[in-house]
Amino acid sequence: MASMELPHKHEGNPFRDISHIPDAEQFRTAADILKLLGDASRIRIFWILCHCETCVINLSAMVEMSSPAVSHHLRQLKAAGLVTSRREGKEMYYTAAKNPEANLLHHTIEQMLRISCPATDHV
C-alpha cells in the first residue's frame, strides 16, 4: 500500500502515515471474539476448558446448566477457534485451543477476576 498522509499535521501523532493502521476487518475479528465473551456462562465454560479436557455431561454438571445450553456455548466457542474437540467412541471431549488468542483470553480472564489456575497436583 502506498503511503497515505493525513491532511492535518499534529505533533506527536504516530499515525502521520495512515497506511500502517490495521484495516477494519482485523478489528472486526477482535470485536466478534469480544462479543462472544459477553456472556458470563460462556466465559466460565471457556475458563474451565483452559484447565481440563471434559465432555458436555461433566461440563454441564460443573456449571449447573443443561447439556443443550452447554453444547450451544461450545459450538460458538469452537466456531471462534477458542475451543477444540475430539471424539472418543460416542463421547466428544472439549478443551481450550492451543493458540495465542485462547492463551491471551485465558490470562486476561484470570487477571480481571484475580483468580489463578487450579492446582493440578491433587488426586
PDB file of N, CA and C in Angstrom:
ATOM      1  N   MET A   1       0.844  -1.177   0.000  1.00  0.00           N
ATOM      2  CA  MET A   1       0.000   0.000   0.000  1.00  0.00           C
ATOM      3  C   MET A   1       0.890   1.242   0.000  1.00  0.00           C
ATOM      4  N   ALA A   2       0.508   2.206  -0.768  1.00  0.00           N
ATOM      5  CA  ALA A   2       1.267   3.452  -0.855  1.00  0.00           C
ATOM      6  C   ALA A   2       1.087   4.262   0.427  1.00  0.00           C
ATOM      7  N   SER A   3       2.058   5.101   0.709  1.00  0.00           N
ATOM      8  CA  SER A   3       1.998   5.967   1.880  1.00  0.00           C
ATOM      9  C   SER A   3       0.829   6.937   1.735  1.00  0.00           C
ATOM     10  N   MET A   4       0.050   7.059   2.802  1.00  0.00           N
ATOM     11  CA  MET A   4      -1.100   7.970   2.794  1.00  0.00           C
ATOM     12  C   MET A   4      -0.916   8.962   3.924  1.00  0.00           C
ATOM     13  N   GLU A   5      -0.773  10.206   3.600  1.00  0.00           N
ATOM     14  CA  GLU A   5      -0.536  11.257   4.587  1.00  0.00           C
ATOM     15  C   GLU A   5      -1.865  11.807   5.106  1.00  0.00           C
ATOM     16  N   LEU A   6      -1.884  12.164   6.384  1.00  0.00           N
ATOM     17  CA  LEU A   6      -3.046  12.839   6.959  1.00  0.00           C
ATOM     18  C   LEU A   6      -3.109  14.278   6.458  1.00  0.00           C
ATOM     19  N   PRO A   7      -4.317  14.808   6.276  1.00  0.00           N
ATOM     20  CA  PRO A   7      -4.439  16.176   5.780  1.00  0.00           C
ATOM     21  C   PRO A   7      -3.936  17.228   6.762  1.00  0.00           C
ATOM     22  N   HIS A   8      -4.085  16.993   8.075  1.00  0.00           N
ATOM     23  CA  HIS A   8      -3.631  17.950   9.090  1.00  0.00           C
ATOM     24  C   HIS A   8      -2.472  17.348   9.864  1.00  0.00           C
ATOM     25  N   LYS A   9      -1.404  18.083   9.977  1.00  0.00           N
ATOM     26  CA  LYS A   9      -0.218  17.621  10.711  1.00  0.00           C
ATOM     27  C   LYS A   9      -0.331  18.037  12.172  1.00  0.00           C
ATOM     28  N   HIS A  10      -0.155  17.059  13.078  1.00  0.00           N
ATOM     29  CA  HIS A  10      -0.173  17.333  14.516  1.00  0.00           C
ATOM     30  C   HIS A  10       1.080  16.717  15.127  1.00  0.00           C
ATOM     31  N   GLU A  11       1.763  17.470  15.957  1.00  0.00           N
ATOM     32  CA  GLU A  11       2.964  16.983  16.630  1.00  0.00           C
ATOM     33  C   GLU A  11       2.632  15.762  17.482  1.00  0.00           C
ATOM     34  N   GLY A  12       3.495  14.791  17.447  1.00  0.00           N
ATOM     35  CA  GLY A  12       3.360  13.631  18.317  1.00  0.00           C
ATOM     36  C   GLY A  12       2.370  12.589  17.831  1.00  0.00           C
ATOM     37  N   ASN A  13       1.739  12.770  16.693  1.00  0.00           N
ATOM     38  CA  ASN A  13       0.796  11.778  16.180  1.00  0.00           C
ATOM     39  C   ASN A  13       1.588  10.655  15.510  1.00  0.00           C
ATOM     40  N   PRO A  14       1.523   9.431  16.059  1.00  0.00           N
ATOM     41  CA  PRO A  14       2.294   8.326  15.472  1.00  0.00           C
ATOM     42  C   PRO A  14       1.719   7.856  14.133  1.00  0.00           C
ATOM     43  N   PHE A  15       0.529   8.325  13.771  1.00  0.00           N
ATOM     44  CA  PHE A  15      -0.120   7.870  12.551  1.00  0.00           C
ATOM     45  C   PHE A  15      -0.109   8.918  11.448  1.00  0.00           C
ATOM     46  N   ARG A  16       1.015   9.622  11.315  1.00  0.00           N
ATOM     47  CA  ARG A  16       1.103  10.570  10.202  1.00  0.00           C
ATOM     48  C   ARG A  16       0.963   9.826   8.879  1.00  0.00           C
ATOM     49  N   ASP A  17       1.514   8.605   8.812  1.00  0.00           N
ATOM     50  CA  ASP A  17       1.346   7.745   7.638  1.00  0.00           C
ATOM     51  C   ASP A  17       0.288   6.704   8.011  1.00  0.00           C
ATOM     52  N   ILE A  18      -0.927   6.883   7.540  1.00  0.00           N
ATOM     53  CA  ILE A  18      -2.045   6.037   7.967  1.00  0.00           C
ATOM     54  C   ILE A  18      -2.064   4.666   7.304  1.00  0.00           C
ATOM     55  N   SER A  19      -1.149   4.395   6.414  1.00  0.00           N
ATOM     56  CA  SER A  19      -1.106   3.070   5.792  1.00  0.00           C
ATOM     57  C   SER A  19      -0.682   1.998   6.794  1.00  0.00           C
ATOM     58  N   HIS A  20      -0.192   2.397   7.974  1.00  0.00           N
ATOM     59  CA  HIS A  20       0.231   1.438   9.000  1.00  0.00           C
ATOM     60  C   HIS A  20      -0.900   1.055   9.949  1.00  0.00           C
ATOM     61  N   ILE A  21      -2.064   1.671   9.805  1.00  0.00           N
ATOM     62  CA  ILE A  21      -3.200   1.355  10.670  1.00  0.00           C
ATOM     63  C   ILE A  21      -3.843   0.068  10.167  1.00  0.00           C
ATOM     64  N   PRO A  22      -4.052  -0.920  11.053  1.00  0.00           N
ATOM     65  CA  PRO A  22      -4.711  -2.163  10.630  1.00  0.00           C
ATOM     66  C   PRO A  22      -6.086  -1.857  10.029  1.00  0.00           C
ATOM     67  N   ASP A  23      -6.504  -2.710   9.094  1.00  0.00           N
ATOM     68  CA  ASP A  23      -7.791  -2.461   8.440  1.00  0.00           C
ATOM     69  C   ASP A  23      -8.965  -2.855   9.328  1.00  0.00           C
ATOM     70  N   ALA A  24     -10.142  -2.430   8.931  1.00  0.00           N
ATOM     71  CA  ALA A  24     -11.355  -2.627   9.729  1.00  0.00           C
ATOM     72  C   ALA A  24     -11.650  -4.111   9.960  1.00  0.00           C
ATOM     73  N   GLU A  25     -11.325  -4.974   9.007  1.00  0.00           N
ATOM     74  CA  GLU A  25     -11.599  -6.406   9.155  1.00  0.00           C
ATOM     75  C   GLU A  25     -10.836  -7.005  10.331  1.00  0.00           C
ATOM     76  N   GLN A  26      -9.611  -6.569  10.548  1.00  0.00           N
ATOM     77  CA  GLN A  26      -8.841  -7.072  11.680  1.00  0.00           C
ATOM     78  C   GLN A  26      -9.509  -6.677  12.999  1.00  0.00           C
ATOM     79  N   PHE A  27     -10.010  -5.492  13.092  1.00  0.00           N
ATOM     80  CA  PHE A  27     -10.707  -5.059  14.304  1.00  0.00           C
ATOM     81  C   PHE A  27     -12.051  -5.760  14.442  1.00  0.00           C
ATOM     82  N   ARG A  28     -12.688  -6.088  13.320  1.00  0.00           N
ATOM     83  CA  ARG A  28     -13.966  -6.803  13.359  1.00  0.00           C
ATOM     84  C   ARG A  28     -13.775  -8.189  13.959  1.00  0.00           C
ATOM     85  N   THR A  29     -12.673  -8.846  13.622  1.00  0.00           N
ATOM     86  CA  THR A  29     -12.377 -10.162  14.190  1.00  0.00           C
ATOM     87  C   THR A  29     -12.248 -10.068  15.705  1.00  0.00           C
ATOM     88  N   ALA A  30     -11.526  -9.076  16.185  1.00  0.00           N
ATOM     89  CA  ALA A  30     -11.381  -8.881  17.635  1.00  0.00           C
ATOM     90  C   ALA A  30     -12.732  -8.585  18.273  1.00  0.00           C
ATOM     91  N   ALA A  31     -13.534  -7.747  17.624  1.00  0.00           N
ATOM     92  CA  ALA A  31     -14.855  -7.396  18.162  1.00  0.00           C
ATOM     93  C   ALA A  31     -15.758  -8.621  18.239  1.00  0.00           C
ATOM     94  N   ASP A  32     -15.692  -9.487  17.241  1.00  0.00           N
ATOM     95  CA  ASP A  32     -16.516 -10.704  17.250  1.00  0.00           C
ATOM     96  C   ASP A  32     -16.154 -11.608  18.417  1.00  0.00           C
ATOM     97  N   ILE A  33     -14.859 -11.759  18.674  1.00  0.00           N
ATOM     98  CA  ILE A  33     -14.426 -12.602  19.794  1.00  0.00           C
ATOM     99  C   ILE A  33     -14.838 -11.968  21.118  1.00  0.00           C
ATOM    100  N   LEU A  34     -14.659 -10.660  21.248  1.00  0.00           N
ATOM    101  CA  LEU A  34     -15.043  -9.990  22.499  1.00  0.00           C
ATOM    102  C   LEU A  34     -16.556 -10.029  22.702  1.00  0.00           C
ATOM    103  N   LYS A  35     -17.321  -9.918  21.634  1.00  0.00           N
ATOM    104  CA  LYS A  35     -18.781 -10.014  21.721  1.00  0.00           C
ATOM    105  C   LYS A  35     -19.179 -11.417  22.189  1.00  0.00           C
ATOM    106  N   LEU A  36     -18.502 -12.413  21.668  1.00  0.00           N
ATOM    107  CA  LEU A  36     -18.749 -13.795  22.049  1.00  0.00           C
ATOM    108  C   LEU A  36     -18.546 -13.986  23.546  1.00  0.00           C
ATOM    109  N   LEU A  37     -17.563 -13.297  24.094  1.00  0.00           N
ATOM    110  CA  LEU A  37     -17.261 -13.429  25.519  1.00  0.00           C
ATOM    111  C   LEU A  37     -18.092 -12.493  26.386  1.00  0.00           C
ATOM    112  N   GLY A  38     -19.124 -11.900  25.807  1.00  0.00           N
ATOM    113  CA  GLY A  38     -20.016 -11.030  26.550  1.00  0.00           C
ATOM    114  C   GLY A  38     -21.018 -11.801  27.395  1.00  0.00           C
ATOM    115  N   ASP A  39     -20.899 -13.099  27.445  1.00  0.00           N
ATOM    116  CA  ASP A  39     -21.804 -13.953  28.215  1.00  0.00           C
ATOM    117  C   ASP A  39     -21.009 -14.607  29.343  1.00  0.00           C
ATOM    118  N   ALA A  40     -21.425 -14.396  30.583  1.00  0.00           N
ATOM    119  CA  ALA A  40     -20.686 -14.902  31.748  1.00  0.00           C
ATOM    120  C   ALA A  40     -20.580 -16.425  31.748  1.00  0.00           C
ATOM    121  N   SER A  41     -21.637 -17.112  31.343  1.00  0.00           N
ATOM    122  CA  SER A  41     -21.587 -18.580  31.308  1.00  0.00           C
ATOM    123  C   SER A  41     -20.561 -19.063  30.296  1.00  0.00           C
ATOM    124  N   ARG A  42     -20.494 -18.397  29.154  1.00  0.00           N
ATOM    125  CA  ARG A  42     -19.542 -18.787  28.112  1.00  0.00           C
ATOM    126  C   ARG A  42     -18.109 -18.556  28.574  1.00  0.00           C
ATOM    127  N   ILE A  43     -17.874 -17.452  29.273  1.00  0.00           N
ATOM    128  CA  ILE A  43     -16.531 -17.190  29.802  1.00  0.00           C
ATOM    129  C   ILE A  43     -16.163 -18.260  30.824  1.00  0.00           C
ATOM    130  N   ARG A  44     -17.104 -18.610  31.664  1.00  0.00           N
ATOM    131  CA  ARG A  44     -16.858 -19.634  32.688  1.00  0.00           C
ATOM    132  C   ARG A  44     -16.518 -20.976  32.045  1.00  0.00           C
ATOM    133  N   ILE A  45     -17.289 -21.365  31.034  1.00  0.00           N
ATOM    134  CA  ILE A  45     -17.028 -22.618  30.316  1.00  0.00           C
ATOM    135  C   ILE A  45     -15.645 -22.580  29.695  1.00  0.00           C
ATOM    136  N   PHE A  46     -15.324 -21.480  29.028  1.00  0.00           N
ATOM    137  CA  PHE A  46     -14.007 -21.347  28.401  1.00  0.00           C
ATOM    138  C   PHE A  46     -12.903 -21.467  29.453  1.00  0.00           C
ATOM    139  N   TRP A  47     -13.047 -20.784  30.577  1.00  0.00           N
ATOM    140  CA  TRP A  47     -12.030 -20.819  31.624  1.00  0.00           C
ATOM    141  C   TRP A  47     -11.828 -22.239  32.141  1.00  0.00           C
ATOM    142  N   ILE A  48     -12.912 -22.961  32.358  1.00  0.00           N
ATOM    143  CA  ILE A  48     -12.803 -24.355  32.818  1.00  0.00           C
ATOM    144  C   ILE A  48     -12.034 -25.183  31.796  1.00  0.00           C
ATOM    145  N   LEU A  49     -12.354 -24.991  30.518  1.00  0.00           N
ATOM    146  CA  LEU A  49     -11.698 -25.763  29.463  1.00  0.00           C
ATOM    147  C   LEU A  49     -10.235 -25.382  29.277  1.00  0.00           C
ATOM    148  N   CYS A  50      -9.838 -24.248  29.819  1.00  0.00           N
ATOM    149  CA  CYS A  50      -8.414 -23.886  29.805  1.00  0.00           C
ATOM    150  C   CYS A  50      -7.625 -24.769  30.765  1.00  0.00           C
ATOM    151  N   HIS A  51      -8.331 -25.438  31.676  1.00  0.00           N
ATOM    152  CA  HIS A  51      -7.664 -26.217  32.713  1.00  0.00           C
ATOM    153  C   HIS A  51      -7.916 -27.710  32.628  1.00  0.00           C
ATOM    154  N   CYS A  52      -8.821 -28.125  31.768  1.00  0.00           N
ATOM    155  CA  CYS A  52      -9.086 -29.552  31.650  1.00  0.00           C
ATOM    156  C   CYS A  52      -9.765 -29.869  30.326  1.00  0.00           C
ATOM    157  N   GLU A  53      -9.733 -31.124  29.977  1.00  0.00           N
ATOM    158  CA  GLU A  53     -10.492 -31.625  28.840  1.00  0.00           C
ATOM    159  C   GLU A  53     -11.648 -32.414  29.428  1.00  0.00           C
ATOM    160  N   THR A  54     -12.855 -32.154  28.959  1.00  0.00           N
ATOM    161  CA  THR A  54     -14.001 -32.847  29.523  1.00  0.00           C
ATOM    162  C   THR A  54     -15.127 -32.944  28.500  1.00  0.00           C
ATOM    163  N   CYS A  55     -16.122 -33.746  28.841  1.00  0.00           N
ATOM    164  CA  CYS A  55     -17.271 -33.942  27.963  1.00  0.00           C
ATOM    165  C   CYS A  55     -18.401 -32.986  28.370  1.00  0.00           C
ATOM    166  N   VAL A  56     -19.417 -32.909  27.527  1.00  0.00           N
ATOM    167  CA  VAL A  56     -20.544 -32.000  27.768  1.00  0.00           C
ATOM    168  C   VAL A  56     -21.259 -32.343  29.074  1.00  0.00           C
ATOM    169  N   ILE A  57     -21.444 -33.622  29.355  1.00  0.00           N
ATOM    170  CA  ILE A  57     -22.165 -34.041  30.571  1.00  0.00           C
ATOM    171  C   ILE A  57     -21.450 -33.538  31.816  1.00  0.00           C
ATOM    172  N   ASN A  58     -20.133 -33.751  31.888  1.00  0.00           N
ATOM    173  CA  ASN A  58     -19.373 -33.287  33.058  1.00  0.00           C
ATOM    174  C   ASN A  58     -19.335 -31.768  33.130  1.00  0.00           C
ATOM    175  N   LEU A  59     -19.157 -31.127  31.977  1.00  0.00           N
ATOM    176  CA  LEU A  59     -19.123 -29.672  31.943  1.00  0.00           C
ATOM    177  C   LEU A  59     -20.465 -29.094  32.396  1.00  0.00           C
ATOM    178  N   SER A  60     -21.555 -29.721  31.981  1.00  0.00           N
ATOM    179  CA  SER A  60     -22.892 -29.292  32.403  1.00  0.00           C
ATOM    180  C   SER A  60     -23.037 -29.349  33.918  1.00  0.00           C
ATOM    181  N   ALA A  61     -22.519 -30.405  34.525  1.00  0.00           N
ATOM    182  CA  ALA A  61     -22.570 -30.534  35.985  1.00  0.00           C
ATOM    183  C   ALA A  61     -21.714 -29.461  36.653  1.00  0.00           C
ATOM    184  N   MET A  62     -20.545 -29.174  36.076  1.00  0.00           N
ATOM    185  CA  MET A  62     -19.648 -28.179  36.664  1.00  0.00           C
ATOM    186  C   MET A  62     -20.267 -26.786  36.672  1.00  0.00           C
ATOM    187  N   VAL A  63     -20.988 -26.440  35.622  1.00  0.00           N
ATOM    188  CA  VAL A  63     -21.534 -25.081  35.508  1.00  0.00           C
ATOM    189  C   VAL A  63     -23.027 -25.022  35.830  1.00  0.00           C
ATOM    190  N   GLU A  64     -23.587 -26.169  36.217  1.00  0.00           N
ATOM    191  CA  GLU A  64     -25.006 -26.267  36.592  1.00  0.00           C
ATOM    192  C   GLU A  64     -25.922 -25.706  35.510  1.00  0.00           C
ATOM    193  N   MET A  65     -25.699 -26.211  34.281  1.00  0.00           N
ATOM    194  CA  MET A  65     -26.515 -25.831  33.128  1.00  0.00           C
ATOM    195  C   MET A  65     -26.926 -27.108  32.406  1.00  0.00           C
ATOM    196  N   SER A  66     -27.946 -27.008  31.583  1.00  0.00           N
ATOM    197  CA  SER A  66     -28.371 -28.169  30.803  1.00  0.00           C
ATOM    198  C   SER A  66     -27.334 -28.496  29.733  1.00  0.00           C
ATOM    199  N   SER A  67     -27.288 -29.741  29.323  1.00  0.00           N
ATOM    200  CA  SER A  67     -26.362 -30.151  28.262  1.00  0.00           C
ATOM    201  C   SER A  67     -26.608 -29.396  26.958  1.00  0.00           C
ATOM    202  N   PRO A  68     -27.877 -29.196  26.544  1.00  0.00           N
ATOM    203  CA  PRO A  68     -28.098 -28.429  25.310  1.00  0.00           C
ATOM    204  C   PRO A  68     -27.569 -26.989  25.407  1.00  0.00           C
ATOM    205  N   ALA A  69     -27.710 -26.369  26.562  1.00  0.00           N
ATOM    206  CA  ALA A  69     -27.210 -24.999  26.732  1.00  0.00           C
ATOM    207  C   ALA A  69     -25.693 -24.973  26.651  1.00  0.00           C
ATOM    208  N   VAL A  70     -25.029 -25.924  27.302  1.00  0.00           N
ATOM    209  CA  VAL A  70     -23.569 -26.005  27.251  1.00  0.00           C
ATOM    210  C   VAL A  70     -23.110 -26.286  25.826  1.00  0.00           C
ATOM    211  N   SER A  71     -23.806 -27.185  25.138  1.00  0.00           N
ATOM    212  CA  SER A  71     -23.462 -27.504  23.747  1.00  0.00           C
ATOM    213  C   SER A  71     -23.555 -26.265  22.859  1.00  0.00           C
ATOM    214  N   HIS A  72     -24.563 -25.448  23.100  1.00  0.00           N
ATOM    215  CA  HIS A  72     -24.719 -24.198  22.339  1.00  0.00           C
ATOM    216  C   HIS A  72     -23.510 -23.293  22.539  1.00  0.00           C
ATOM    217  N   HIS A  73     -23.083 -23.118  23.781  1.00  0.00           N
ATOM    218  CA  HIS A  73     -21.918 -22.288  24.074  1.00  0.00           C
ATOM    219  C   HIS A  73     -20.652 -22.885  23.453  1.00  0.00           C
ATOM    220  N   LEU A  74     -20.515 -24.206  23.519  1.00  0.00           N
ATOM    221  CA  LEU A  74     -19.344 -24.863  22.958  1.00  0.00           C
ATOM    222  C   LEU A  74     -19.268 -24.678  21.443  1.00  0.00           C
ATOM    223  N   ARG A  75     -20.407 -24.746  20.768  1.00  0.00           N
ATOM    224  CA  ARG A  75     -20.420 -24.525  19.309  1.00  0.00           C
ATOM    225  C   ARG A  75     -19.897 -23.140  18.970  1.00  0.00           C
ATOM    226  N   GLN A  76     -20.323 -22.142  19.737  1.00  0.00           N
ATOM    227  CA  GLN A  76     -19.880 -20.775  19.485  1.00  0.00           C
ATOM    228  C   GLN A  76     -18.384 -20.600  19.776  1.00  0.00           C
ATOM    229  N   LEU A  77     -17.925 -21.165  20.880  1.00  0.00           N
ATOM    230  CA  LEU A  77     -16.504 -21.083  21.223  1.00  0.00           C
ATOM    231  C   LEU A  77     -15.638 -21.814  20.194  1.00  0.00           C
ATOM    232  N   LYS A  78     -16.141 -22.945  19.724  1.00  0.00           N
ATOM    233  CA  LYS A  78     -15.404 -23.712  18.720  1.00  0.00           C
ATOM    234  C   LYS A  78     -15.359 -22.957  17.387  1.00  0.00           C
ATOM    235  N   ALA A  79     -16.472 -22.360  16.987  1.00  0.00           N
ATOM    236  CA  ALA A  79     -16.517 -21.594  15.735  1.00  0.00           C
ATOM    237  C   ALA A  79     -15.546 -20.416  15.772  1.00  0.00           C
ATOM    238  N   ALA A  80     -15.309 -19.866  16.960  1.00  0.00           N
ATOM    239  CA  ALA A  80     -14.381 -18.741  17.116  1.00  0.00           C
ATOM    240  C   ALA A  80     -12.931 -19.201  17.215  1.00  0.00           C
ATOM    241  N   GLY A  81     -12.709 -20.513  17.242  1.00  0.00           N
ATOM    242  CA  GLY A  81     -11.346 -21.030  17.331  1.00  0.00           C
ATOM    243  C   GLY A  81     -10.778 -21.026  18.730  1.00  0.00           C
ATOM    244  N   LEU A  82     -11.643 -20.871  19.743  1.00  0.00           N
ATOM    245  CA  LEU A  82     -11.175 -20.821  21.127  1.00  0.00           C
ATOM    246  C   LEU A  82     -11.207 -22.179  21.810  1.00  0.00           C
ATOM    247  N   VAL A  83     -11.958 -23.122  21.228  1.00  0.00           N
ATOM    248  CA  VAL A  83     -12.128 -24.454  21.806  1.00  0.00           C
ATOM    249  C   VAL A  83     -11.930 -25.489  20.701  1.00  0.00           C
ATOM    250  N   THR A  84     -11.349 -26.628  21.062  1.00  0.00           N
ATOM    251  CA  THR A  84     -11.212 -27.743  20.134  1.00  0.00           C
ATOM    252  C   THR A  84     -11.920 -28.957  20.727  1.00  0.00           C
ATOM    253  N   SER A  85     -12.169 -29.947  19.890  1.00  0.00           N
ATOM    254  CA  SER A  85     -12.836 -31.155  20.368  1.00  0.00           C
ATOM    255  C   SER A  85     -12.202 -32.385  19.746  1.00  0.00           C
ATOM    256  N   ARG A  86     -12.427 -33.507  20.404  1.00  0.00           N
ATOM    257  CA  ARG A  86     -12.006 -34.801  19.864  1.00  0.00           C
ATOM    258  C   ARG A  86     -13.043 -35.833  20.268  1.00  0.00           C
ATOM    259  N   ARG A  87     -13.231 -36.805  19.403  1.00  0.00           N
ATOM    260  CA  ARG A  87     -14.205 -37.862  19.664  1.00  0.00           C
ATOM    261  C   ARG A  87     -13.487 -39.082  20.219  1.00  0.00           C
ATOM    262  N   GLU A  88     -14.095 -39.660  21.242  1.00  0.00           N
ATOM    263  CA  GLU A  88     -13.621 -40.929  21.791  1.00  0.00           C
ATOM    264  C   GLU A  88     -14.848 -41.822  21.916  1.00  0.00           C
ATOM    265  N   GLY A  89     -14.997 -42.731  20.986  1.00  0.00           N
ATOM    266  CA  GLY A  89     -16.208 -43.554  20.931  1.00  0.00           C
ATOM    267  C   GLY A  89     -17.396 -42.667  20.608  1.00  0.00           C
ATOM    268  N   LYS A  90     -18.410 -42.725  21.453  1.00  0.00           N
ATOM    269  CA  LYS A  90     -19.605 -41.897  21.257  1.00  0.00           C
ATOM    270  C   LYS A  90     -19.478 -40.534  21.924  1.00  0.00           C
ATOM    271  N   GLU A  91     -18.459 -40.378  22.742  1.00  0.00           N
ATOM    272  CA  GLU A  91     -18.309 -39.151  23.535  1.00  0.00           C
ATOM    273  C   GLU A  91     -17.397 -38.136  22.846  1.00  0.00           C
ATOM    274  N   MET A  92     -17.772 -36.865  22.955  1.00  0.00           N
ATOM    275  CA  MET A  92     -16.961 -35.772  22.434  1.00  0.00           C
ATOM    276  C   MET A  92     -16.329 -35.060  23.629  1.00  0.00           C
ATOM    277  N   TYR A  93     -15.030 -34.816  23.554  1.00  0.00           N
ATOM    278  CA  TYR A  93     -14.302 -34.133  24.622  1.00  0.00           C
ATOM    279  C   TYR A  93     -13.832 -32.777  24.122  1.00  0.00           C
ATOM    280  N   TYR A  94     -13.911 -31.780  24.991  1.00  0.00           N
ATOM    281  CA  TYR A  94     -13.578 -30.401  24.639  1.00  0.00           C
ATOM    282  C   TYR A  94     -12.464 -29.883  25.524  1.00  0.00           C
ATOM    283  N   THR A  95     -11.661 -28.989  24.955  1.00  0.00           N
ATOM    284  CA  THR A  95     -10.610 -28.294  25.697  1.00  0.00           C
ATOM    285  C   THR A  95     -10.343 -26.963  24.998  1.00  0.00           C
ATOM    286  N   ALA A  96      -9.684 -26.063  25.697  1.00  0.00           N
ATOM    287  CA  ALA A  96      -9.327 -24.783  25.093  1.00  0.00           C
ATOM    288  C   ALA A  96      -8.315 -25.013  23.976  1.00  0.00           C
ATOM    289  N   ALA A  97      -8.419 -24.233  22.930  1.00  0.00           N
ATOM    290  CA  ALA A  97      -7.484 -24.331  21.812  1.00  0.00           C
ATOM    291  C   ALA A  97      -6.087 -23.920  22.273  1.00  0.00           C
ATOM    292  N   LYS A  98      -5.101 -24.474  21.627  1.00  0.00           N
ATOM    293  CA  LYS A  98      -3.696 -24.130  21.907  1.00  0.00           C
ATOM    294  C   LYS A  98      -3.265 -23.097  20.866  1.00  0.00           C
ATOM    295  N   ASN A  99      -3.752 -21.878  21.026  1.00  0.00           N
ATOM    296  CA  ASN A  99      -3.383 -20.807  20.100  1.00  0.00           C
ATOM    297  C   ASN A  99      -3.200 -19.511  20.886  1.00  0.00           C
ATOM    298  N   PRO A 100      -2.565 -18.520  20.296  1.00  0.00           N
ATOM    299  CA  PRO A 100      -2.287 -17.270  21.025  1.00  0.00           C
ATOM    300  C   PRO A 100      -3.547 -16.558  21.520  1.00  0.00           C
ATOM    301  N   GLU A 101      -4.624 -16.609  20.735  1.00  0.00           N
ATOM    302  CA  GLU A 101      -5.858 -15.922  21.145  1.00  0.00           C
ATOM    303  C   GLU A 101      -6.449 -16.546  22.405  1.00  0.00           C
ATOM    304  N   ALA A 102      -6.546 -17.877  22.428  1.00  0.00           N
ATOM    305  CA  ALA A 102      -7.092 -18.567  23.602  1.00  0.00           C
ATOM    306  C   ALA A 102      -6.205 -18.345  24.818  1.00  0.00           C
ATOM    307  N   ASN A 103      -4.908 -18.406  24.615  1.00  0.00           N
ATOM    308  CA  ASN A 103      -3.959 -18.190  25.718  1.00  0.00           C
ATOM    309  C   ASN A 103      -4.107 -16.777  26.293  1.00  0.00           C
ATOM    310  N   LEU A 104      -4.181 -15.793  25.423  1.00  0.00           N
ATOM    311  CA  LEU A 104      -4.337 -14.404  25.875  1.00  0.00           C
ATOM    312  C   LEU A 104      -5.646 -14.215  26.637  1.00  0.00           C
ATOM    313  N   LEU A 105      -6.736 -14.773  26.118  1.00  0.00           N
ATOM    314  CA  LEU A 105      -8.030 -14.633  26.797  1.00  0.00           C
ATOM    315  C   LEU A 105      -8.034 -15.338  28.148  1.00  0.00           C
ATOM    316  N   HIS A 106      -7.399 -16.501  28.211  1.00  0.00           N
ATOM    317  CA  HIS A 106      -7.298 -17.231  29.480  1.00  0.00           C
ATOM    318  C   HIS A 106      -6.619 -16.359  30.531  1.00  0.00           C
ATOM    319  N   HIS A 107      -5.476 -15.797  30.177  1.00  0.00           N
ATOM    320  CA  HIS A 107      -4.734 -14.973  31.140  1.00  0.00           C
ATOM    321  C   HIS A 107      -5.462 -13.662  31.439  1.00  0.00           C
ATOM    322  N   THR A 108      -6.137 -13.104  30.467  1.00  0.00           N
ATOM    323  CA  THR A 108      -6.909 -11.870  30.692  1.00  0.00           C
ATOM    324  C   THR A 108      -8.028 -12.117  31.686  1.00  0.00           C
ATOM    325  N   ILE A 109      -8.750 -13.215  31.525  1.00  0.00           N
ATOM    326  CA  ILE A 109      -9.838 -13.562  32.450  1.00  0.00           C
ATOM    327  C   ILE A 109      -9.293 -13.702  33.860  1.00  0.00           C
ATOM    328  N   GLU A 110      -8.189 -14.411  34.002  1.00  0.00           N
ATOM    329  CA  GLU A 110      -7.617 -14.612  35.330  1.00  0.00           C
ATOM    330  C   GLU A 110      -7.133 -13.306  35.950  1.00  0.00           C
ATOM    331  N   GLN A 111      -6.570 -12.433  35.153  1.00  0.00           N
ATOM    332  CA  GLN A 111      -6.126 -11.137  35.664  1.00  0.00           C
ATOM    333  C   GLN A 111      -7.318 -10.275  36.085  1.00  0.00           C
ATOM    334  N   MET A 112      -8.360 -10.256  35.261  1.00  0.00           N
ATOM    335  CA  MET A 112      -9.538  -9.431  35.569  1.00  0.00           C
ATOM    336  C   MET A 112     -10.251  -9.909  36.824  1.00  0.00           C
ATOM    337  N   LEU A 113     -10.332 -11.222  36.997  1.00  0.00           N
ATOM    338  CA  LEU A 113     -11.055 -11.784  38.142  1.00  0.00           C
ATOM    339  C   LEU A 113     -10.152 -12.005  39.352  1.00  0.00           C
ATOM    340  N   ARG A 114      -8.863 -11.765  39.157  1.00  0.00           N
ATOM    341  CA  ARG A 114      -7.867 -12.000  40.218  1.00  0.00           C
ATOM    342  C   ARG A 114      -7.965 -13.434  40.747  1.00  0.00           C
ATOM    343  N   ILE A 115      -8.032 -14.373  39.797  1.00  0.00           N
ATOM    344  CA  ILE A 115      -8.042 -15.799  40.137  1.00  0.00           C
ATOM    345  C   ILE A 115      -6.836 -16.433  39.446  1.00  0.00           C
ATOM    346  N   SER A 116      -6.518 -17.631  39.831  1.00  0.00           N
ATOM    347  CA  SER A 116      -5.412 -18.324  39.177  1.00  0.00           C
ATOM    348  C   SER A 116      -5.820 -19.730  38.832  1.00  0.00           C
ATOM    349  N   CYS A 117      -4.968 -20.371  38.060  1.00  0.00           N
ATOM    350  CA  CYS A 117      -5.238 -21.744  37.632  1.00  0.00           C
ATOM    351  C   CYS A 117      -5.373 -22.640  38.844  1.00  0.00           C
ATOM    352  N   PRO A 118      -6.307 -23.578  38.785  1.00  0.00           N
ATOM    353  CA  PRO A 118      -6.443 -24.513  39.906  1.00  0.00           C
ATOM    354  C   PRO A 118      -5.226 -25.421  40.000  1.00  0.00           C
ATOM    355  N   ALA A 119      -4.914 -25.854  41.212  1.00  0.00           N
ATOM    356  CA  ALA A 119      -3.801 -26.786  41.412  1.00  0.00           C
ATOM    357  C   ALA A 119      -4.128 -28.109  40.745  1.00  0.00           C
ATOM    358  N   THR A 120      -3.153 -28.678  40.082  1.00  0.00           N
ATOM    359  CA  THR A 120      -3.379 -29.957  39.391  1.00  0.00           C
ATOM    360  C   THR A 120      -2.608 -31.088  40.036  1.00  0.00           C
ATOM    361  N   ASP A 121      -2.009 -30.843  41.212  1.00  0.00           N
ATOM    362  CA  ASP A 121      -1.190 -31.858  41.846  1.00  0.00           C
ATOM    363  C   ASP A 121      -1.969 -32.717  42.843  1.00  0.00           C
ATOM    364  N   HIS A 122      -3.277 -32.477  42.988  1.00  0.00           N
ATOM    365  CA  HIS A 122      -4.043 -33.325  43.895  1.00  0.00           C
ATOM    366  C   HIS A 122      -4.750 -34.417  43.111  1.00  0.00           C
ATOM    367  N   VAL A 123      -5.066 -35.514  43.786  1.00  0.00           N
ATOM    368  CA  VAL A 123      -5.681 -36.672  43.126  1.00  0.00           C
ATOM    369  C   VAL A 123      -7.175 -36.656  43.312  1.00  0.00           C
TER     370      VAL A 123
END
